[in-house]
Each structure stands twice: as structure tokens, then as C-alpha cells.
Amino acid sequence: MKLKNMPKEELELMSYTDLTEMLLKENKKPMNTPTVFHKICDLLGYGDDEYASKIGDYYTSLTIDKRFVLLENNEWDLRDHHSINLSLEEDDDEDEEMIDEEEEMEEPEEEEENIDEVNTDEELEVDDDDDIDELNIISDEEEEME
């Protein structure tokens, strides 16, 4: 059933995005936001004040709804009418630039440490005091009692 032939009560029960989908299907061509929303306002009997106060929310609802796509000429159309072409080709120039950047970022290799140069305890200032004698092992029950 065409939108113009539908009773106003039935139109009022529909969301703006559902009405937009029906309008785009009937017109079979993309439309810009103000044009589509003017048509919806005309169908619902809204005046200019209601149009102005609601168009921002209407635009937001179109951007969120996955059924619609905003074209380069700022017109809305149904996503089903448009295919998405994905290209997985890689540009050789970009690959070469990435390799060059990676080579520049590599750090020079560190020399291996000679075994004869191992640090002694004195050089590391090791604390020989044994604090383990002061440690006590307590059970969970004893810990809960404290």
C-alpha cells in the first residue's frame, strides 16, 4: 500500500525510519534529508515548527539505522541498492616504505657479555644478613584470630 493511501492513524504508529524506507522504495531514487523529512511531516500533518524541532533527531536516526546509506551528494538511499566493493590489493610502494622505516627503527645488536667479566658479590653489594630467621609461618586460623 502506498503511503498516500494509508490512514493517518496508521502512519502515526510507524517510526520515521520506517516511513523513510517506504518513501525511498516508492520514489526509487535517493533523496536528501530535508526533502524526505518534509514529505514525512506532510503525511503526518506536522507544521514548520515541528519540522524544525524534530529534523535533528530524524537525521541522527538515519545515521544510526543500518538500512540507509548517505551518498556523496548528501542524499539518502537504501543500503540494499548499493554494493560495497572491497579491494584487498596492496600498494607495492607502501610496502617498500614500511620496510625502510622498520630497518631504520632496528636497534644495533648488543655485544655478548664475556664470562670473565661476571660481577662478584662485592660489586653487586649483596646483603649477607639472613632475615629468614625472623619469619614465622602461621596457619589461616591463627591469622583470622589476630
C-alpha atoms as a PDB file:
ATOM      1  CA  MET A   1       0.000   0.000   0.000  1.00  0.00           C
ATOM      2  CA  LYS A   2       1.287   3.454  -0.881  1.00  0.00           C
ATOM      3  CA  LEU A   3       1.947   5.935   1.902  1.00  0.00           C
ATOM      4  CA  LYS A   4      -0.527   8.459   0.486  1.00  0.00           C
ATOM      5  CA  ASN A   5      -3.324   5.876   0.694  1.00  0.00           C
ATOM      6  CA  MET A   6      -2.609   4.879   4.293  1.00  0.00           C
ATOM      7  CA  PRO A   7      -4.769   6.347   7.071  1.00  0.00           C
ATOM      8  CA  LYS A   8      -3.068   8.981   9.244  1.00  0.00           C
ATOM      9  CA  GLU A   9      -3.572   6.845  12.370  1.00  0.00           C
ATOM     10  CA  GLU A  10      -1.560   4.013  10.824  1.00  0.00           C
ATOM     11  CA  LEU A  11       1.185   6.409   9.697  1.00  0.00           C
ATOM     12  CA  GLU A  12       1.463   7.826  13.222  1.00  0.00           C
ATOM     13  CA  LEU A  13       2.194   4.344  14.564  1.00  0.00           C
ATOM     14  CA  MET A  14       5.213   3.967  12.278  1.00  0.00           C
ATOM     15  CA  SER A  15       8.702   5.238  13.048  1.00  0.00           C
ATOM     16  CA  TYR A  16      10.316   7.960  10.955  1.00  0.00           C
ATOM     17  CA  THR A  17      12.882   5.459   9.675  1.00  0.00           C
ATOM     18  CA  ASP A  18      10.168   3.022   8.587  1.00  0.00           C
ATOM     19  CA  LEU A  19       8.388   5.865   6.776  1.00  0.00           C
ATOM     20  CA  THR A  20      11.700   6.863   5.163  1.00  0.00           C
ATOM     21  CA  GLU A  21      12.272   3.323   3.951  1.00  0.00           C
ATOM     22  CA  MET A  22       8.825   3.237   2.371  1.00  0.00           C
ATOM     23  CA  LEU A  23       9.325   6.657   0.743  1.00  0.00           C
ATOM     24  CA  LEU A  24      12.670   5.650  -0.759  1.00  0.00           C
ATOM     25  CA  LYS A  25      11.162   2.410  -2.074  1.00  0.00           C
ATOM     26  CA  GLU A  26       8.221   4.264  -3.652  1.00  0.00           C
ATOM     27  CA  ASN A  27      10.357   7.006  -5.217  1.00  0.00           C
ATOM     28  CA  LYS A  28      13.068   4.551  -6.371  1.00  0.00           C
ATOM     29  CA  LYS A  29      15.697   7.288  -6.131  1.00  0.00           C
ATOM     30  CA  PRO A  30      17.835   8.839  -3.372  1.00  0.00           C
ATOM     31  CA  MET A  31      16.596  11.924  -1.535  1.00  0.00           C
ATOM     32  CA  ASN A  32      18.236  14.463   0.779  1.00  0.00           C
ATOM     33  CA  THR A  33      17.335  14.796   4.456  1.00  0.00           C
ATOM     34  CA  PRO A  34      15.134  17.926   4.267  1.00  0.00           C
ATOM     35  CA  THR A  35      13.133  16.594   1.313  1.00  0.00           C
ATOM     36  CA  VAL A  36      12.440  13.220   2.926  1.00  0.00           C
ATOM     37  CA  PHE A  37      11.528  14.737   6.271  1.00  0.00           C
ATOM     38  CA  HIS A  38       9.252  17.346   4.628  1.00  0.00           C
ATOM     39  CA  LYS A  39       7.356  14.508   2.942  1.00  0.00           C
ATOM     40  CA  ILE A  40       7.043  12.679   6.275  1.00  0.00           C
ATOM     41  CA  CYS A  41       5.830  15.859   8.006  1.00  0.00           C
ATOM     42  CA  ASP A  42       3.275  16.408   5.236  1.00  0.00           C
ATOM     43  CA  LEU A  43       1.985  12.847   5.646  1.00  0.00           C
ATOM     44  CA  LEU A  44       1.679  13.279   9.422  1.00  0.00           C
ATOM     45  CA  GLY A  45       0.248  16.807   9.211  1.00  0.00           C
ATOM     46  CA  TYR A  46       3.154  18.481  11.037  1.00  0.00           C
ATOM     47  CA  GLY A  47       3.795  22.201  10.653  1.00  0.00           C
ATOM     48  CA  ASP A  48       7.062  24.079  10.149  1.00  0.00           C
ATOM     49  CA  ASP A  49       7.686  24.380  13.908  1.00  0.00           C
ATOM     50  CA  GLU A  50       7.509  20.613  14.426  1.00  0.00           C
ATOM     51  CA  TYR A  51       9.660  20.080  11.325  1.00  0.00           C
ATOM     52  CA  ALA A  52      12.357  22.402  12.676  1.00  0.00           C
ATOM     53  CA  SER A  53      12.310  20.907  16.170  1.00  0.00           C
ATOM     54  CA  LYS A  54      12.492  17.267  15.007  1.00  0.00           C
ATOM     55  CA  ILE A  55      14.791  17.258  11.964  1.00  0.00           C
ATOM     56  CA  GLY A  56      17.972  16.939  14.045  1.00  0.00           C
ATOM     57  CA  ASP A  57      16.741  13.794  15.794  1.00  0.00           C
ATOM     58  CA  TYR A  58      15.489  12.493  12.463  1.00  0.00           C
ATOM     59  CA  TYR A  59      18.935  12.906  10.875  1.00  0.00           C
ATOM     60  CA  THR A  60      20.540  11.114  13.829  1.00  0.00           C
ATOM     61  CA  SER A  61      18.119   8.196  13.494  1.00  0.00           C
ATOM     62  CA  LEU A  62      19.002   7.861   9.800  1.00  0.00           C
ATOM     63  CA  THR A  63      22.725   7.771  10.519  1.00  0.00           C
ATOM     64  CA  ILE A  64      22.275   5.041  13.139  1.00  0.00           C
ATOM     65  CA  ASP A  65      19.890   2.850  11.106  1.00  0.00           C
ATOM     66  CA  LYS A  66      21.770   0.256   9.036  1.00  0.00           C
ATOM     67  CA  ARG A  67      19.095   0.219   6.319  1.00  0.00           C
ATOM     68  CA  PHE A  68      20.240   3.585   4.955  1.00  0.00           C
ATOM     69  CA  VAL A  69      23.399   4.875   3.365  1.00  0.00           C
ATOM     70  CA  LEU A  70      24.418   8.529   2.962  1.00  0.00           C
ATOM     71  CA  LEU A  71      25.745   9.077  -0.541  1.00  0.00           C
ATOM     72  CA  GLU A  72      28.470  11.523  -1.571  1.00  0.00           C
ATOM     73  CA  ASN A  73      25.894  14.046  -2.795  1.00  0.00           C
ATOM     74  CA  ASN A  74      24.290  14.144   0.711  1.00  0.00           C
ATOM     75  CA  GLU A  75      21.303  12.073  -0.362  1.00  0.00           C
ATOM     76  CA  TRP A  76      19.950   9.050   1.474  1.00  0.00           C
ATOM     77  CA  ASP A  77      19.230   5.763  -0.191  1.00  0.00           C
ATOM     78  CA  LEU A  78      18.539   2.201   0.876  1.00  0.00           C
ATOM     79  CA  ARG A  79      21.684   0.192   1.557  1.00  0.00           C
ATOM     80  CA  ASP A  80      20.208  -2.691  -0.446  1.00  0.00           C
ATOM     81  CA  HIS A  81      20.512  -0.581  -3.598  1.00  0.00           C
ATOM     82  CA  HIS A  82      24.282  -0.220  -3.196  1.00  0.00           C
ATOM     83  CA  SER A  83      27.036  -2.766  -3.170  1.00  0.00           C
ATOM     84  CA  ILE A  84      30.304  -2.282  -1.358  1.00  0.00           C
ATOM     85  CA  ASN A  85      33.475  -3.061  -3.291  1.00  0.00           C
ATOM     86  CA  LEU A  86      36.384  -4.054  -1.116  1.00  0.00           C
ATOM     87  CA  SER A  87      39.830  -4.107  -2.593  1.00  0.00           C
ATOM     88  CA  LEU A  88      42.463  -6.209  -0.907  1.00  0.00           C
ATOM     89  CA  GLU A  89      45.237  -5.183  -3.281  1.00  0.00           C
ATOM     90  CA  GLU A  90      48.285  -3.766  -1.600  1.00  0.00           C
ATOM     91  CA  ASP A  91      50.369  -0.979  -2.990  1.00  0.00           C
ATOM     92  CA  ASP A  92      53.995  -2.038  -3.517  1.00  0.00           C
ATOM     93  CA  ASP A  93      55.279   1.483  -2.789  1.00  0.00           C
ATOM     94  CA  GLU A  94      53.708   1.451   0.661  1.00  0.00           C
ATOM     95  CA  ASP A  95      55.296  -1.923   1.402  1.00  0.00           C
ATOM     96  CA  GLU A  96      58.739  -0.599   0.483  1.00  0.00           C
ATOM     97  CA  GLU A  97      58.272   2.452   2.701  1.00  0.00           C
ATOM     98  CA  MET A  98      57.263   0.235   5.616  1.00  0.00           C
ATOM     99  CA  ILE A  99      60.375  -1.940   5.175  1.00  0.00           C
ATOM    100  CA  ASP A 100      62.614   1.154   5.091  1.00  0.00           C
ATOM    101  CA  GLU A 101      61.036   2.504   8.279  1.00  0.00           C
ATOM    102  CA  GLU A 102      61.434  -0.851  10.049  1.00  0.00           C
ATOM    103  CA  GLU A 103      65.120  -1.010   9.110  1.00  0.00           C
ATOM    104  CA  GLU A 104      65.698   2.481  10.499  1.00  0.00           C
ATOM    105  CA  MET A 105      63.976   1.584  13.752  1.00  0.00           C
ATOM    106  CA  GLU A 106      66.052  -1.570  14.398  1.00  0.00           C
ATOM    107  CA  GLU A 107      68.413  -1.202  17.316  1.00  0.00           C
ATOM    108  CA  PRO A 108      72.047  -2.250  16.971  1.00  0.00           C
ATOM    109  CA  GLU A 109      72.809  -5.685  18.369  1.00  0.00           C
ATOM    110  CA  GLU A 110      74.335  -5.712  21.824  1.00  0.00           C
ATOM    111  CA  GLU A 111      77.688  -7.408  22.294  1.00  0.00           C
ATOM    112  CA  GLU A 112      77.634 -10.634  24.257  1.00  0.00           C
ATOM    113  CA  GLU A 113      78.937 -10.385  27.780  1.00  0.00           C
ATOM    114  CA  ASN A 114      82.266 -12.069  28.401  1.00  0.00           C
ATOM    115  CA  ILE A 115      82.176 -14.744  31.128  1.00  0.00           C
ATOM    116  CA  ASP A 116      85.379 -13.355  32.643  1.00  0.00           C
ATOM    117  CA  GLU A 117      83.601 -10.063  33.308  1.00  0.00           C
ATOM    118  CA  VAL A 118      80.874 -11.508  35.577  1.00  0.00           C
ATOM    119  CA  ASN A 119      80.191  -9.340  38.623  1.00  0.00           C
ATOM    120  CA  THR A 120      81.201 -10.632  42.033  1.00  0.00           C
ATOM    121  CA  ASP A 121      79.112 -10.345  45.199  1.00  0.00           C
ATOM    122  CA  GLU A 122      81.181  -7.362  46.307  1.00  0.00           C
ATOM    123  CA  GLU A 123      80.448  -5.474  43.099  1.00  0.00           C
ATOM    124  CA  LEU A 124      76.729  -6.135  43.436  1.00  0.00           C
ATOM    125  CA  GLU A 125      76.670  -5.158  47.116  1.00  0.00           C
ATOM    126  CA  VAL A 126      74.795  -8.255  48.222  1.00  0.00           C
ATOM    127  CA  ASP A 127      73.336  -8.114  51.730  1.00  0.00           C
ATOM    128  CA  ASP A 128      74.599 -11.193  53.523  1.00  0.00           C
ATOM    129  CA  ASP A 129      72.304 -10.767  56.530  1.00  0.00           C
ATOM    130  CA  ASP A 130      69.905 -13.635  56.698  1.00  0.00           C
ATOM    131  CA  ASP A 131      66.472 -12.309  57.635  1.00  0.00           C
ATOM    132  CA  ILE A 132      64.842 -15.691  57.210  1.00  0.00           C
ATOM    133  CA  ASP A 133      65.232 -16.493  60.913  1.00  0.00           C
ATOM    134  CA  GLU A 134      62.764 -13.747  61.742  1.00  0.00           C
ATOM    135  CA  LEU A 135      59.999 -15.242  59.570  1.00  0.00           C
ATOM    136  CA  ASN A 136      57.238 -17.280  61.171  1.00  0.00           C
ATOM    137  CA  ILE A 137      54.702 -19.469  59.425  1.00  0.00           C
ATOM    138  CA  ILE A 138      51.168 -19.140  60.748  1.00  0.00           C
ATOM    139  CA  SER A 139      48.036 -21.005  59.746  1.00  0.00           C
ATOM    140  CA  ASP A 140      44.936 -19.362  58.314  1.00  0.00           C
ATOM    141  CA  GLU A 141      43.127 -19.929  61.606  1.00  0.00           C
ATOM    142  CA  GLU A 142      45.813 -18.072  63.555  1.00  0.00           C
ATOM    143  CA  GLU A 143      45.664 -15.212  61.067  1.00  0.00           C
ATOM    144  CA  GLU A 144      41.891 -14.905  61.468  1.00  0.00           C
ATOM    145  CA  MET A 145      42.245 -14.779  65.257  1.00  0.00           C
ATOM    146  CA  GLU A 146      44.539 -11.751  65.145  1.00  0.00           C
END
